[in-house]
Amino acid sequence: MLKKIFALFIVALISYSIYYDLHAGTIPTNAKETTEKNVAIQPETTHGPYVTAKVHSGDTVLTIVKKISGGTAPSIEKVIRDFSKLNGGIAPEDIQIGQTYRFPIYGESR
């Protein structure tokens, strides 16, 4: 009797796995393509001055902002908020090496 219950459970589990795979899919899509499509669809922002720059290994949003702003930058919270607005809601911790983003300009470079 226990073997029949176990076999029924296994059949149900396999059936659910096949159903889920056919309807939702289990192969992940390329996250980079999805992000680029979302950014392209969003309207242009009209926030303060910015510079478009490519991210290199070791760069952070704050270091890039300090470079382009002549070593000055406001609070980290303001930089994070402005960067996200300029880039369609992308968080600073989600930047990728080799990608191009908009960075806000503060201080002397204005």
N, C-alpha and C. Protein backbone atom coordinates (compact mmCIF):
# COMPACT_ATOMS: atom_id res chain seq x y z
N MET A 1 0.81 -1.19 0.00
CA MET A 1 0.00 0.00 0.00
C MET A 1 0.87 1.27 0.00
N LEU A 2 1.94 1.27 0.79
CA LEU A 2 2.83 2.41 0.87
C LEU A 2 3.54 2.65 -0.46
N LYS A 3 3.88 1.56 -1.16
CA LYS A 3 4.54 1.69 -2.46
C LYS A 3 3.61 2.35 -3.48
N LYS A 4 2.32 2.05 -3.42
CA LYS A 4 1.36 2.64 -4.35
C LYS A 4 1.19 4.14 -4.09
N ILE A 5 1.16 4.52 -2.84
CA ILE A 5 1.04 5.94 -2.48
C ILE A 5 2.30 6.69 -2.94
N PHE A 6 3.46 6.10 -2.71
CA PHE A 6 4.71 6.72 -3.14
C PHE A 6 4.76 6.85 -4.66
N ALA A 7 4.34 5.82 -5.38
CA ALA A 7 4.33 5.86 -6.84
C ALA A 7 3.36 6.93 -7.34
N LEU A 8 2.20 7.06 -6.70
CA LEU A 8 1.22 8.08 -7.07
C LEU A 8 1.79 9.48 -6.83
N PHE A 9 2.50 9.66 -5.73
CA PHE A 9 3.13 10.95 -5.42
C PHE A 9 4.17 11.31 -6.48
N ILE A 10 4.99 10.34 -6.88
CA ILE A 10 6.02 10.57 -7.90
C ILE A 10 5.38 10.94 -9.24
N VAL A 11 4.32 10.24 -9.63
CA VAL A 11 3.63 10.53 -10.88
C VAL A 11 3.04 11.94 -10.84
N ALA A 12 2.45 12.32 -9.70
CA ALA A 12 1.87 13.66 -9.56
C ALA A 12 2.97 14.72 -9.64
N LEU A 13 4.11 14.49 -9.01
CA LEU A 13 5.22 15.43 -9.05
C LEU A 13 5.77 15.61 -10.46
N ILE A 14 5.93 14.52 -11.17
CA ILE A 14 6.41 14.58 -12.55
C ILE A 14 5.40 15.29 -13.44
N SER A 15 4.12 15.01 -13.25
CA SER A 15 3.08 15.67 -14.05
C SER A 15 3.09 17.18 -13.81
N TYR A 16 3.20 17.59 -12.55
CA TYR A 16 3.24 19.02 -12.24
C TYR A 16 4.49 19.66 -12.85
N SER A 17 5.62 18.99 -12.80
CA SER A 17 6.86 19.52 -13.39
C SER A 17 6.72 19.73 -14.88
N ILE A 18 6.11 18.80 -15.56
CA ILE A 18 5.90 18.93 -17.01
C ILE A 18 4.93 20.07 -17.29
N TYR A 19 3.84 20.14 -16.53
CA TYR A 19 2.86 21.22 -16.70
C TYR A 19 3.53 22.59 -16.51
N TYR A 20 4.30 22.75 -15.45
CA TYR A 20 4.96 24.02 -15.16
C TYR A 20 5.96 24.38 -16.27
N ASP A 21 6.70 23.41 -16.73
CA ASP A 21 7.69 23.65 -17.78
C ASP A 21 7.03 24.10 -19.08
N LEU A 22 5.89 23.51 -19.42
CA LEU A 22 5.21 23.87 -20.65
C LEU A 22 4.55 25.25 -20.58
N HIS A 23 4.06 25.63 -19.41
CA HIS A 23 3.34 26.91 -19.29
C HIS A 23 4.23 28.07 -18.89
N ALA A 24 5.09 27.90 -17.92
CA ALA A 24 5.92 29.01 -17.43
C ALA A 24 7.34 28.94 -17.98
N GLY A 25 7.80 27.78 -18.28
CA GLY A 25 9.17 27.63 -18.78
C GLY A 25 10.18 27.64 -17.66
N THR A 26 11.27 26.94 -17.85
CA THR A 26 12.31 26.90 -16.84
C THR A 26 13.64 27.39 -17.36
N ILE A 27 13.72 27.73 -18.64
CA ILE A 27 14.97 28.23 -19.20
C ILE A 27 14.98 29.74 -19.01
N PRO A 28 15.97 30.28 -18.29
CA PRO A 28 16.00 31.73 -18.06
C PRO A 28 16.30 32.48 -19.35
N THR A 29 15.70 33.67 -19.45
CA THR A 29 15.99 34.51 -20.60
C THR A 29 17.23 35.33 -20.31
N ASN A 30 17.81 35.89 -21.33
CA ASN A 30 19.00 36.71 -21.15
C ASN A 30 18.61 38.01 -20.46
N ALA A 31 19.05 38.20 -19.21
CA ALA A 31 18.67 39.37 -18.42
C ALA A 31 19.14 40.66 -19.05
N LYS A 32 20.28 40.65 -19.72
CA LYS A 32 20.83 41.87 -20.32
C LYS A 32 19.89 42.40 -21.41
N GLU A 33 19.36 41.50 -22.26
CA GLU A 33 18.45 41.92 -23.32
C GLU A 33 17.17 42.50 -22.74
N THR A 34 16.64 41.88 -21.69
CA THR A 34 15.42 42.37 -21.06
C THR A 34 15.64 43.76 -20.48
N THR A 35 16.75 43.99 -19.81
CA THR A 35 17.04 45.30 -19.23
C THR A 35 17.16 46.36 -20.31
N GLU A 36 17.86 46.05 -21.39
CA GLU A 36 18.04 47.02 -22.46
C GLU A 36 16.71 47.38 -23.10
N LYS A 37 15.82 46.42 -23.27
CA LYS A 37 14.51 46.70 -23.85
C LYS A 37 13.70 47.62 -22.94
N ASN A 38 13.75 47.37 -21.63
CA ASN A 38 13.00 48.21 -20.69
C ASN A 38 13.51 49.64 -20.71
N VAL A 39 14.82 49.82 -20.77
CA VAL A 39 15.39 51.16 -20.77
C VAL A 39 15.02 51.89 -22.05
N ALA A 40 15.03 51.19 -23.19
CA ALA A 40 14.74 51.82 -24.47
C ALA A 40 13.29 52.29 -24.56
N ILE A 41 12.38 51.60 -23.90
CA ILE A 41 10.97 51.93 -23.96
C ILE A 41 10.64 53.16 -23.13
N GLN A 42 11.38 53.38 -22.07
CA GLN A 42 11.07 54.48 -21.17
C GLN A 42 11.36 55.83 -21.81
N PRO A 43 10.54 56.85 -21.48
CA PRO A 43 10.73 58.16 -22.08
C PRO A 43 12.01 58.83 -21.59
N GLU A 44 12.50 59.77 -22.37
CA GLU A 44 13.69 60.52 -22.00
C GLU A 44 13.43 61.30 -20.71
N THR A 45 14.43 61.36 -19.87
CA THR A 45 14.30 62.13 -18.63
C THR A 45 14.76 63.55 -18.87
N THR A 46 14.25 64.46 -18.06
CA THR A 46 14.62 65.87 -18.19
C THR A 46 15.28 66.35 -16.91
N HIS A 47 16.00 65.47 -16.26
CA HIS A 47 16.68 65.82 -15.02
C HIS A 47 17.95 66.60 -15.34
N GLY A 48 18.61 67.08 -14.30
CA GLY A 48 19.78 67.93 -14.44
C GLY A 48 20.82 67.41 -15.42
N PRO A 49 21.94 68.11 -15.50
CA PRO A 49 22.97 67.73 -16.46
C PRO A 49 23.56 66.35 -16.14
N TYR A 50 23.94 65.66 -17.19
CA TYR A 50 24.52 64.33 -17.01
C TYR A 50 25.54 64.07 -18.09
N VAL A 51 26.35 63.03 -17.85
CA VAL A 51 27.35 62.58 -18.80
C VAL A 51 27.10 61.09 -19.02
N THR A 52 27.20 60.66 -20.26
CA THR A 52 27.09 59.24 -20.57
C THR A 52 28.49 58.65 -20.53
N ALA A 53 28.66 57.58 -19.73
CA ALA A 53 29.98 56.98 -19.58
C ALA A 53 29.87 55.46 -19.54
N LYS A 54 30.93 54.81 -20.02
CA LYS A 54 31.02 53.35 -20.00
C LYS A 54 31.66 52.91 -18.69
N VAL A 55 31.12 51.85 -18.09
CA VAL A 55 31.63 51.34 -16.82
C VAL A 55 32.78 50.38 -17.08
N HIS A 56 33.89 50.59 -16.36
CA HIS A 56 35.06 49.71 -16.45
C HIS A 56 35.21 48.93 -15.15
N SER A 57 36.04 47.93 -15.16
CA SER A 57 36.27 47.10 -13.98
C SER A 57 36.75 47.97 -12.81
N GLY A 58 36.13 47.79 -11.66
CA GLY A 58 36.51 48.53 -10.46
C GLY A 58 35.74 49.82 -10.27
N ASP A 59 34.98 50.24 -11.27
CA ASP A 59 34.20 51.47 -11.16
C ASP A 59 32.95 51.27 -10.31
N THR A 60 32.59 52.31 -9.58
CA THR A 60 31.30 52.37 -8.90
C THR A 60 30.63 53.66 -9.35
N VAL A 61 29.35 53.77 -9.09
CA VAL A 61 28.64 54.99 -9.47
C VAL A 61 29.28 56.19 -8.78
N LEU A 62 29.59 56.06 -7.51
CA LEU A 62 30.16 57.18 -6.76
C LEU A 62 31.54 57.59 -7.31
N THR A 63 32.41 56.64 -7.63
CA THR A 63 33.72 57.02 -8.15
C THR A 63 33.62 57.69 -9.51
N ILE A 64 32.70 57.23 -10.35
CA ILE A 64 32.52 57.86 -11.66
C ILE A 64 31.96 59.27 -11.50
N VAL A 65 30.98 59.44 -10.61
CA VAL A 65 30.40 60.77 -10.38
C VAL A 65 31.46 61.73 -9.84
N LYS A 66 32.31 61.26 -8.94
CA LYS A 66 33.37 62.12 -8.41
C LYS A 66 34.36 62.52 -9.50
N LYS A 67 34.70 61.58 -10.40
CA LYS A 67 35.62 61.89 -11.50
C LYS A 67 35.05 62.96 -12.42
N ILE A 68 33.81 62.81 -12.82
CA ILE A 68 33.23 63.74 -13.78
C ILE A 68 32.81 65.06 -13.15
N SER A 69 32.68 65.08 -11.82
CA SER A 69 32.27 66.31 -11.14
C SER A 69 33.45 67.04 -10.50
N GLY A 70 34.65 66.66 -10.83
CA GLY A 70 35.82 67.34 -10.29
C GLY A 70 36.10 67.01 -8.84
N GLY A 71 35.74 65.82 -8.39
CA GLY A 71 36.04 65.39 -7.02
C GLY A 71 34.98 65.75 -6.00
N THR A 72 33.92 66.42 -6.42
CA THR A 72 32.86 66.76 -5.48
C THR A 72 31.61 65.97 -5.81
N ALA A 73 30.89 65.59 -4.77
CA ALA A 73 29.62 64.89 -4.95
C ALA A 73 28.78 65.13 -3.70
N PRO A 74 27.47 65.26 -3.87
CA PRO A 74 26.61 65.43 -2.70
C PRO A 74 26.47 64.11 -1.94
N SER A 75 25.47 63.99 -1.11
CA SER A 75 25.29 62.77 -0.32
C SER A 75 25.10 61.55 -1.23
N ILE A 76 25.45 60.41 -0.71
CA ILE A 76 25.32 59.17 -1.47
C ILE A 76 23.86 58.93 -1.85
N GLU A 77 22.94 59.27 -0.95
CA GLU A 77 21.52 59.07 -1.22
C GLU A 77 21.08 59.87 -2.45
N LYS A 78 21.56 61.12 -2.57
CA LYS A 78 21.20 61.96 -3.71
C LYS A 78 21.79 61.39 -5.00
N VAL A 79 23.02 60.93 -4.95
CA VAL A 79 23.65 60.34 -6.13
C VAL A 79 22.87 59.11 -6.57
N ILE A 80 22.49 58.25 -5.62
CA ILE A 80 21.73 57.04 -5.94
C ILE A 80 20.39 57.40 -6.57
N ARG A 81 19.69 58.36 -5.98
CA ARG A 81 18.38 58.77 -6.47
C ARG A 81 18.49 59.35 -7.89
N ASP A 82 19.46 60.26 -8.10
CA ASP A 82 19.64 60.88 -9.41
C ASP A 82 20.06 59.87 -10.47
N PHE A 83 20.98 58.97 -10.12
CA PHE A 83 21.43 57.94 -11.06
C PHE A 83 20.25 57.06 -11.49
N SER A 84 19.42 56.64 -10.53
CA SER A 84 18.27 55.79 -10.85
C SER A 84 17.29 56.52 -11.76
N LYS A 85 17.06 57.81 -11.50
CA LYS A 85 16.14 58.58 -12.35
C LYS A 85 16.67 58.70 -13.78
N LEU A 86 17.95 58.94 -13.92
CA LEU A 86 18.55 59.10 -15.25
C LEU A 86 18.59 57.80 -16.05
N ASN A 87 18.59 56.66 -15.36
CA ASN A 87 18.76 55.38 -16.03
C ASN A 87 17.53 54.48 -15.93
N GLY A 88 16.37 55.08 -15.85
CA GLY A 88 15.14 54.29 -15.89
C GLY A 88 14.93 53.37 -14.71
N GLY A 89 15.39 53.77 -13.53
CA GLY A 89 15.16 52.97 -12.34
C GLY A 89 16.22 51.92 -12.04
N ILE A 90 17.29 51.89 -12.80
CA ILE A 90 18.36 50.92 -12.53
C ILE A 90 19.06 51.32 -11.24
N ALA A 91 19.24 50.37 -10.35
CA ALA A 91 19.92 50.62 -9.09
C ALA A 91 21.43 50.66 -9.33
N PRO A 92 22.16 51.51 -8.59
CA PRO A 92 23.62 51.60 -8.78
C PRO A 92 24.35 50.28 -8.58
N GLU A 93 23.83 49.42 -7.73
CA GLU A 93 24.52 48.15 -7.50
C GLU A 93 24.29 47.16 -8.65
N ASP A 94 23.42 47.50 -9.60
CA ASP A 94 23.14 46.61 -10.73
C ASP A 94 23.90 46.99 -11.99
N ILE A 95 24.82 47.96 -11.92
CA ILE A 95 25.56 48.33 -13.13
C ILE A 95 26.48 47.18 -13.53
N GLN A 96 26.73 47.11 -14.84
CA GLN A 96 27.55 46.02 -15.36
C GLN A 96 28.73 46.58 -16.14
N ILE A 97 29.86 45.90 -16.01
CA ILE A 97 31.07 46.30 -16.71
C ILE A 97 30.81 46.25 -18.22
N GLY A 98 31.26 47.29 -18.92
CA GLY A 98 31.10 47.35 -20.36
C GLY A 98 29.83 48.02 -20.83
N GLN A 99 28.88 48.26 -19.92
CA GLN A 99 27.63 48.92 -20.29
C GLN A 99 27.78 50.44 -20.15
N THR A 100 26.96 51.19 -20.85
CA THR A 100 26.99 52.64 -20.81
C THR A 100 25.78 53.14 -20.04
N TYR A 101 26.01 54.07 -19.12
CA TYR A 101 24.95 54.64 -18.29
C TYR A 101 25.08 56.16 -18.25
N ARG A 102 24.03 56.82 -17.78
CA ARG A 102 24.05 58.27 -17.57
C ARG A 102 24.41 58.54 -16.11
N PHE A 103 25.36 59.44 -15.90
CA PHE A 103 25.81 59.79 -14.56
C PHE A 103 25.56 61.28 -14.34
N PRO A 104 24.94 61.64 -13.20
CA PRO A 104 24.67 63.06 -12.94
C PRO A 104 25.96 63.83 -12.68
N ILE A 105 25.95 65.11 -13.06
CA ILE A 105 27.11 65.98 -12.85
C ILE A 105 26.78 66.94 -11.70
N TYR A 106 27.70 67.09 -10.78
CA TYR A 106 27.55 68.01 -9.66
C TYR A 106 28.79 68.92 -9.60
N GLY A 107 28.65 70.06 -8.97
CA GLY A 107 29.81 70.90 -8.67
C GLY A 107 30.36 71.65 -9.87
N GLU A 108 31.69 71.63 -10.00
CA GLU A 108 32.43 72.47 -10.96
C GLU A 108 32.10 72.21 -12.41
N SER A 109 31.73 70.97 -12.79
CA SER A 109 31.53 70.63 -14.19
C SER A 109 30.25 71.21 -14.77
N ARG A 110 29.37 71.75 -13.95
CA ARG A 110 28.11 72.31 -14.42
C ARG A 110 28.43 73.49 -15.21
